[in-house]
């Protein structure tokens, strides 16, 4: 996570539970952020293990 310049649109923070297949919106950010997902980890998932 790193700081970001001001922007003109809303940003919310969400948590994603891939095992139970749901997400939770934690609310709107008052400060802006850039969040970079761990792509290598996402692509290393074995889809056969997650119906």
PDB file of N, CA and C in Angstrom:
ATOM      1  N   UNK A   1       0.862  -1.166   0.000  1.00  0.00           N
ATOM      2  CA  UNK A   1       0.000   0.000   0.000  1.00  0.00           C
ATOM      3  C   UNK A   1       0.902   1.221   0.000  1.00  0.00           C
ATOM      4  N   UNK A   2       0.576   2.169  -0.866  1.00  0.00           N
ATOM      5  CA  UNK A   2       1.334   3.412  -0.904  1.00  0.00           C
ATOM      6  C   UNK A   2       0.377   4.582  -1.073  1.00  0.00           C
ATOM      7  N   UNK A   3       0.851   5.787  -0.758  1.00  0.00           N
ATOM      8  CA  UNK A   3      -0.004   6.965  -0.868  1.00  0.00           C
ATOM      9  C   UNK A   3      -0.266   7.290  -2.331  1.00  0.00           C
ATOM     10  N   UNK A   4      -1.349   8.020  -2.561  1.00  0.00           N
ATOM     11  CA  UNK A   4      -1.773   8.344  -3.916  1.00  0.00           C
ATOM     12  C   UNK A   4      -2.134   9.818  -3.977  1.00  0.00           C
ATOM     13  N   UNK A   5      -2.024  10.435  -5.142  1.00  0.00           N
ATOM     14  CA  UNK A   5      -2.473  11.825  -5.268  1.00  0.00           C
ATOM     15  C   UNK A   5      -3.995  11.911  -5.104  1.00  0.00           C
ATOM     16  N   UNK A   6      -4.493  13.099  -4.814  1.00  0.00           N
ATOM     17  CA  UNK A   6      -5.932  13.298  -4.661  1.00  0.00           C
ATOM     18  C   UNK A   6      -6.660  12.904  -5.940  1.00  0.00           C
ATOM     19  N   UNK A   7      -7.855  12.356  -5.787  1.00  0.00           N
ATOM     20  CA  UNK A   7      -8.665  12.000  -6.953  1.00  0.00           C
ATOM     21  C   UNK A   7     -10.095  12.478  -6.726  1.00  0.00           C
ATOM     22  N   UNK A   8     -10.892  12.467  -7.786  1.00  0.00           N
ATOM     23  CA  UNK A   8     -12.236  13.030  -7.701  1.00  0.00           C
ATOM     24  C   UNK A   8     -13.327  11.970  -7.579  1.00  0.00           C
ATOM     25  N   UNK A   9     -12.968  10.726  -7.313  1.00  0.00           N
ATOM     26  CA  UNK A   9     -13.980   9.681  -7.183  1.00  0.00           C
ATOM     27  C   UNK A   9     -13.837   8.982  -5.835  1.00  0.00           C
ATOM     28  N   UNK A  10     -14.912   8.334  -5.415  1.00  0.00           N
ATOM     29  CA  UNK A  10     -14.923   7.647  -4.120  1.00  0.00           C
ATOM     30  C   UNK A  10     -14.150   6.340  -4.201  1.00  0.00           C
ATOM     31  N   UNK A  11     -13.522   5.984  -3.083  1.00  0.00           N
ATOM     32  CA  UNK A  11     -12.840   4.700  -2.960  1.00  0.00           C
ATOM     33  C   UNK A  11     -13.292   4.056  -1.660  1.00  0.00           C
ATOM     34  N   UNK A  12     -13.627   2.780  -1.733  1.00  0.00           N
ATOM     35  CA  UNK A  12     -14.006   2.026  -0.547  1.00  0.00           C
ATOM     36  C   UNK A  12     -12.988   0.925  -0.308  1.00  0.00           C
ATOM     37  N   UNK A  13     -12.894   0.486   0.946  1.00  0.00           N
ATOM     38  CA  UNK A  13     -12.035  -0.632   1.309  1.00  0.00           C
ATOM     39  C   UNK A  13     -12.930  -1.859   1.466  1.00  0.00           C
ATOM     40  N   UNK A  14     -12.547  -2.952   0.809  1.00  0.00           N
ATOM     41  CA  UNK A  14     -13.309  -4.199   0.888  1.00  0.00           C
ATOM     42  C   UNK A  14     -12.378  -5.339   1.263  1.00  0.00           C
ATOM     43  N   UNK A  15     -12.930  -6.330   1.932  1.00  0.00           N
ATOM     44  CA  UNK A  15     -12.213  -7.557   2.253  1.00  0.00           C
ATOM     45  C   UNK A  15     -12.881  -8.672   1.466  1.00  0.00           C
ATOM     46  N   UNK A  16     -12.078  -9.502   0.791  1.00  0.00           N
ATOM     47  CA  UNK A  16     -12.610 -10.590  -0.019  1.00  0.00           C
ATOM     48  C   UNK A  16     -12.212 -11.919   0.606  1.00  0.00           C
ATOM     49  N   UNK A  17     -13.207 -12.753   0.880  1.00  0.00           N
ATOM     50  CA  UNK A  17     -12.982 -14.102   1.395  1.00  0.00           C
ATOM     51  C   UNK A  17     -13.191 -15.063   0.231  1.00  0.00           C
ATOM     52  N   UNK A  18     -12.098 -15.559  -0.350  1.00  0.00           N
ATOM     53  CA  UNK A  18     -12.200 -16.422  -1.525  1.00  0.00           C
ATOM     54  C   UNK A  18     -12.688 -17.822  -1.177  1.00  0.00           C
ATOM     55  N   UNK A  19     -12.452 -18.273   0.048  1.00  0.00           N
ATOM     56  CA  UNK A  19     -12.897 -19.612   0.437  1.00  0.00           C
ATOM     57  C   UNK A  19     -14.413 -19.673   0.597  1.00  0.00           C
ATOM     58  N   UNK A  20     -15.000 -18.652   1.231  1.00  0.00           N
ATOM     59  CA  UNK A  20     -16.447 -18.636   1.442  1.00  0.00           C
ATOM     60  C   UNK A  20     -17.178 -17.856   0.354  1.00  0.00           C
ATOM     61  N   UNK A  21     -16.430 -17.301  -0.583  1.00  0.00           N
ATOM     62  CA  UNK A  21     -16.967 -16.594  -1.751  1.00  0.00           C
ATOM     63  C   UNK A  21     -17.902 -15.443  -1.369  1.00  0.00           C
ATOM     64  N   UNK A  22     -17.397 -14.545  -0.508  1.00  0.00           N
ATOM     65  CA  UNK A  22     -18.139 -13.332  -0.208  1.00  0.00           C
ATOM     66  C   UNK A  22     -17.155 -12.212   0.126  1.00  0.00           C
ATOM     67  N   UNK A  23     -17.681 -10.987   0.158  1.00  0.00           N
ATOM     68  CA  UNK A  23     -16.834  -9.855   0.505  1.00  0.00           C
ATOM     69  C   UNK A  23     -17.584  -8.946   1.466  1.00  0.00           C
ATOM     70  N   UNK A  24     -16.825  -8.093   2.123  1.00  0.00           N
ATOM     71  CA  UNK A  24     -17.391  -7.156   3.079  1.00  0.00           C
ATOM     72  C   UNK A  24     -16.816  -5.775   2.792  1.00  0.00           C
ATOM     73  N   UNK A  25     -17.696  -4.804   2.623  1.00  0.00           N
ATOM     74  CA  UNK A  25     -17.269  -3.425   2.411  1.00  0.00           C
ATOM     75  C   UNK A  25     -16.997  -2.807   3.776  1.00  0.00           C
ATOM     76  N   UNK A  26     -15.751  -2.373   4.008  1.00  0.00           N
ATOM     77  CA  UNK A  26     -15.372  -1.796   5.297  1.00  0.00           C
ATOM     78  C   UNK A  26     -15.647  -0.307   5.380  1.00  0.00           C
ATOM     79  N   UNK A  27     -15.889   0.333   4.233  1.00  0.00           N
ATOM     80  CA  UNK A  27     -16.235   1.747   4.250  1.00  0.00           C
ATOM     81  C   UNK A  27     -15.376   2.588   3.330  1.00  0.00           C
ATOM     82  N   UNK A  28     -15.724   3.860   3.281  1.00  0.00           N
ATOM     83  CA  UNK A  28     -15.052   4.808   2.393  1.00  0.00           C
ATOM     84  C   UNK A  28     -13.719   5.268   2.993  1.00  0.00           C
ATOM     85  N   UNK A  29     -12.753   5.472   2.121  1.00  0.00           N
ATOM     86  CA  UNK A  29     -11.456   6.000   2.545  1.00  0.00           C
ATOM     87  C   UNK A  29     -11.538   7.511   2.698  1.00  0.00           C
ATOM     88  N   UNK A  30     -10.898   8.027   3.725  1.00  0.00           N
ATOM     89  CA  UNK A  30     -10.786   9.475   3.847  1.00  0.00           C
ATOM     90  C   UNK A  30      -9.467   9.945   3.250  1.00  0.00           C
ATOM     91  N   UNK A  31      -8.513   9.058   3.170  1.00  0.00           N
ATOM     92  CA  UNK A  31      -7.243   9.303   2.488  1.00  0.00           C
ATOM     93  C   UNK A  31      -7.165   8.336   1.323  1.00  0.00           C
ATOM     94  N   UNK A  32      -6.467   8.697   0.295  1.00  0.00           N
ATOM     95  CA  UNK A  32      -6.377   7.846  -0.888  1.00  0.00           C
ATOM     96  C   UNK A  32      -5.195   6.902  -0.769  1.00  0.00           C
ATOM     97  N   UNK A  33      -5.336   5.725  -1.391  1.00  0.00           N
ATOM     98  CA  UNK A  33      -4.282   4.720  -1.323  1.00  0.00           C
ATOM     99  C   UNK A  33      -4.213   3.946  -2.627  1.00  0.00           C
ATOM    100  N   UNK A  34      -3.045   3.402  -2.893  1.00  0.00           N
ATOM    101  CA  UNK A  34      -2.851   2.487  -4.010  1.00  0.00           C
ATOM    102  C   UNK A  34      -2.531   1.132  -3.397  1.00  0.00           C
ATOM    103  N   UNK A  35      -3.339   0.122  -3.717  1.00  0.00           N
ATOM    104  CA  UNK A  35      -3.145  -1.222  -3.186  1.00  0.00           C
ATOM    105  C   UNK A  35      -2.833  -2.140  -4.351  1.00  0.00           C
ATOM    106  N   UNK A  36      -1.716  -2.836  -4.260  1.00  0.00           N
ATOM    107  CA  UNK A  36      -1.286  -3.738  -5.324  1.00  0.00           C
ATOM    108  C   UNK A  36      -1.454  -5.176  -4.856  1.00  0.00           C
ATOM    109  N   UNK A  37      -2.308  -5.954  -5.543  1.00  0.00           N
ATOM    110  CA  UNK A  37      -2.498  -7.347  -5.125  1.00  0.00           C
ATOM    111  C   UNK A  37      -1.269  -8.198  -5.423  1.00  0.00           C
ATOM    112  N   UNK A  38      -1.155  -9.300  -4.711  1.00  0.00           N
ATOM    113  CA  UNK A  38      -0.074 -10.262  -4.934  1.00  0.00           C
ATOM    114  C   UNK A  38      -0.500 -11.177  -6.085  1.00  0.00           C
ATOM    115  N   UNK A  39      -0.219 -10.752  -7.316  1.00  0.00           N
ATOM    116  CA  UNK A  39      -0.648 -11.467  -8.518  1.00  0.00           C
ATOM    117  C   UNK A  39      -0.067 -12.875  -8.565  1.00  0.00           C
ATOM    118  N   UNK A  40       1.181 -13.036  -8.192  1.00  0.00           N
ATOM    119  CA  UNK A  40       1.802 -14.363  -8.220  1.00  0.00           C
ATOM    120  C   UNK A  40       1.034 -15.333  -7.329  1.00  0.00           C
ATOM    121  N   UNK A  41       0.620 -14.879  -6.165  1.00  0.00           N
ATOM    122  CA  UNK A  41      -0.146 -15.724  -5.258  1.00  0.00           C
ATOM    123  C   UNK A  41      -1.508 -16.058  -5.853  1.00  0.00           C
ATOM    124  N   UNK A  42      -2.141 -15.087  -6.492  1.00  0.00           N
ATOM    125  CA  UNK A  42      -3.455 -15.319  -7.090  1.00  0.00           C
ATOM    126  C   UNK A  42      -3.382 -16.361  -8.203  1.00  0.00           C
ATOM    127  N   UNK A  43      -2.355 -16.305  -9.028  1.00  0.00           N
ATOM    128  CA  UNK A  43      -2.233 -17.238 -10.137  1.00  0.00           C
ATOM    129  C   UNK A  43      -1.730 -18.609  -9.700  1.00  0.00           C
ATOM    130  N   UNK A  44      -1.180 -18.711  -8.503  1.00  0.00           N
ATOM    131  CA  UNK A  44      -0.680 -20.002  -8.049  1.00  0.00           C
ATOM    132  C   UNK A  44      -1.772 -20.845  -7.386  1.00  0.00           C
ATOM    133  N   UNK A  45      -2.986 -20.292  -7.232  1.00  0.00           N
ATOM    134  CA  UNK A  45      -4.080 -21.063  -6.647  1.00  0.00           C
ATOM    135  C   UNK A  45      -4.429 -22.234  -7.544  1.00  0.00           C
ATOM    136  N   UNK A  46      -4.662 -23.368  -6.944  1.00  0.00           N
ATOM    137  CA  UNK A  46      -5.095 -24.543  -7.689  1.00  0.00           C
ATOM    138  C   UNK A  46      -6.614 -24.501  -7.741  1.00  0.00           C
ATOM    139  N   UNK A  47      -7.188 -24.193  -8.894  1.00  0.00           N
ATOM    140  CA  UNK A  47      -8.627 -24.023  -9.013  1.00  0.00           C
ATOM    141  C   UNK A  47      -9.388 -25.314  -8.756  1.00  0.00           C
ATOM    142  N   UNK A  48      -8.752 -26.473  -8.886  1.00  0.00           N
ATOM    143  CA  UNK A  48      -9.414 -27.741  -8.597  1.00  0.00           C
ATOM    144  C   UNK A  48      -9.733 -27.880  -7.110  1.00  0.00           C
ATOM    145  N   UNK A  49      -8.985 -27.163  -6.258  1.00  0.00           N
ATOM    146  CA  UNK A  49      -9.205 -27.220  -4.816  1.00  0.00           C
ATOM    147  C   UNK A  49     -10.343 -26.307  -4.371  1.00  0.00           C
ATOM    148  N   UNK A  50     -10.809 -25.413  -5.251  1.00  0.00           N
ATOM    149  CA  UNK A  50     -11.841 -24.426  -4.913  1.00  0.00           C
ATOM    150  C   UNK A  50     -13.002 -24.562  -5.884  1.00  0.00           C
ATOM    151  N   UNK A  51     -14.012 -25.377  -5.541  1.00  0.00           N
ATOM    152  CA  UNK A  51     -15.147 -25.580  -6.467  1.00  0.00           C
ATOM    153  C   UNK A  51     -15.956 -24.326  -6.700  1.00  0.00           C
TER     154      UNK A  51
END
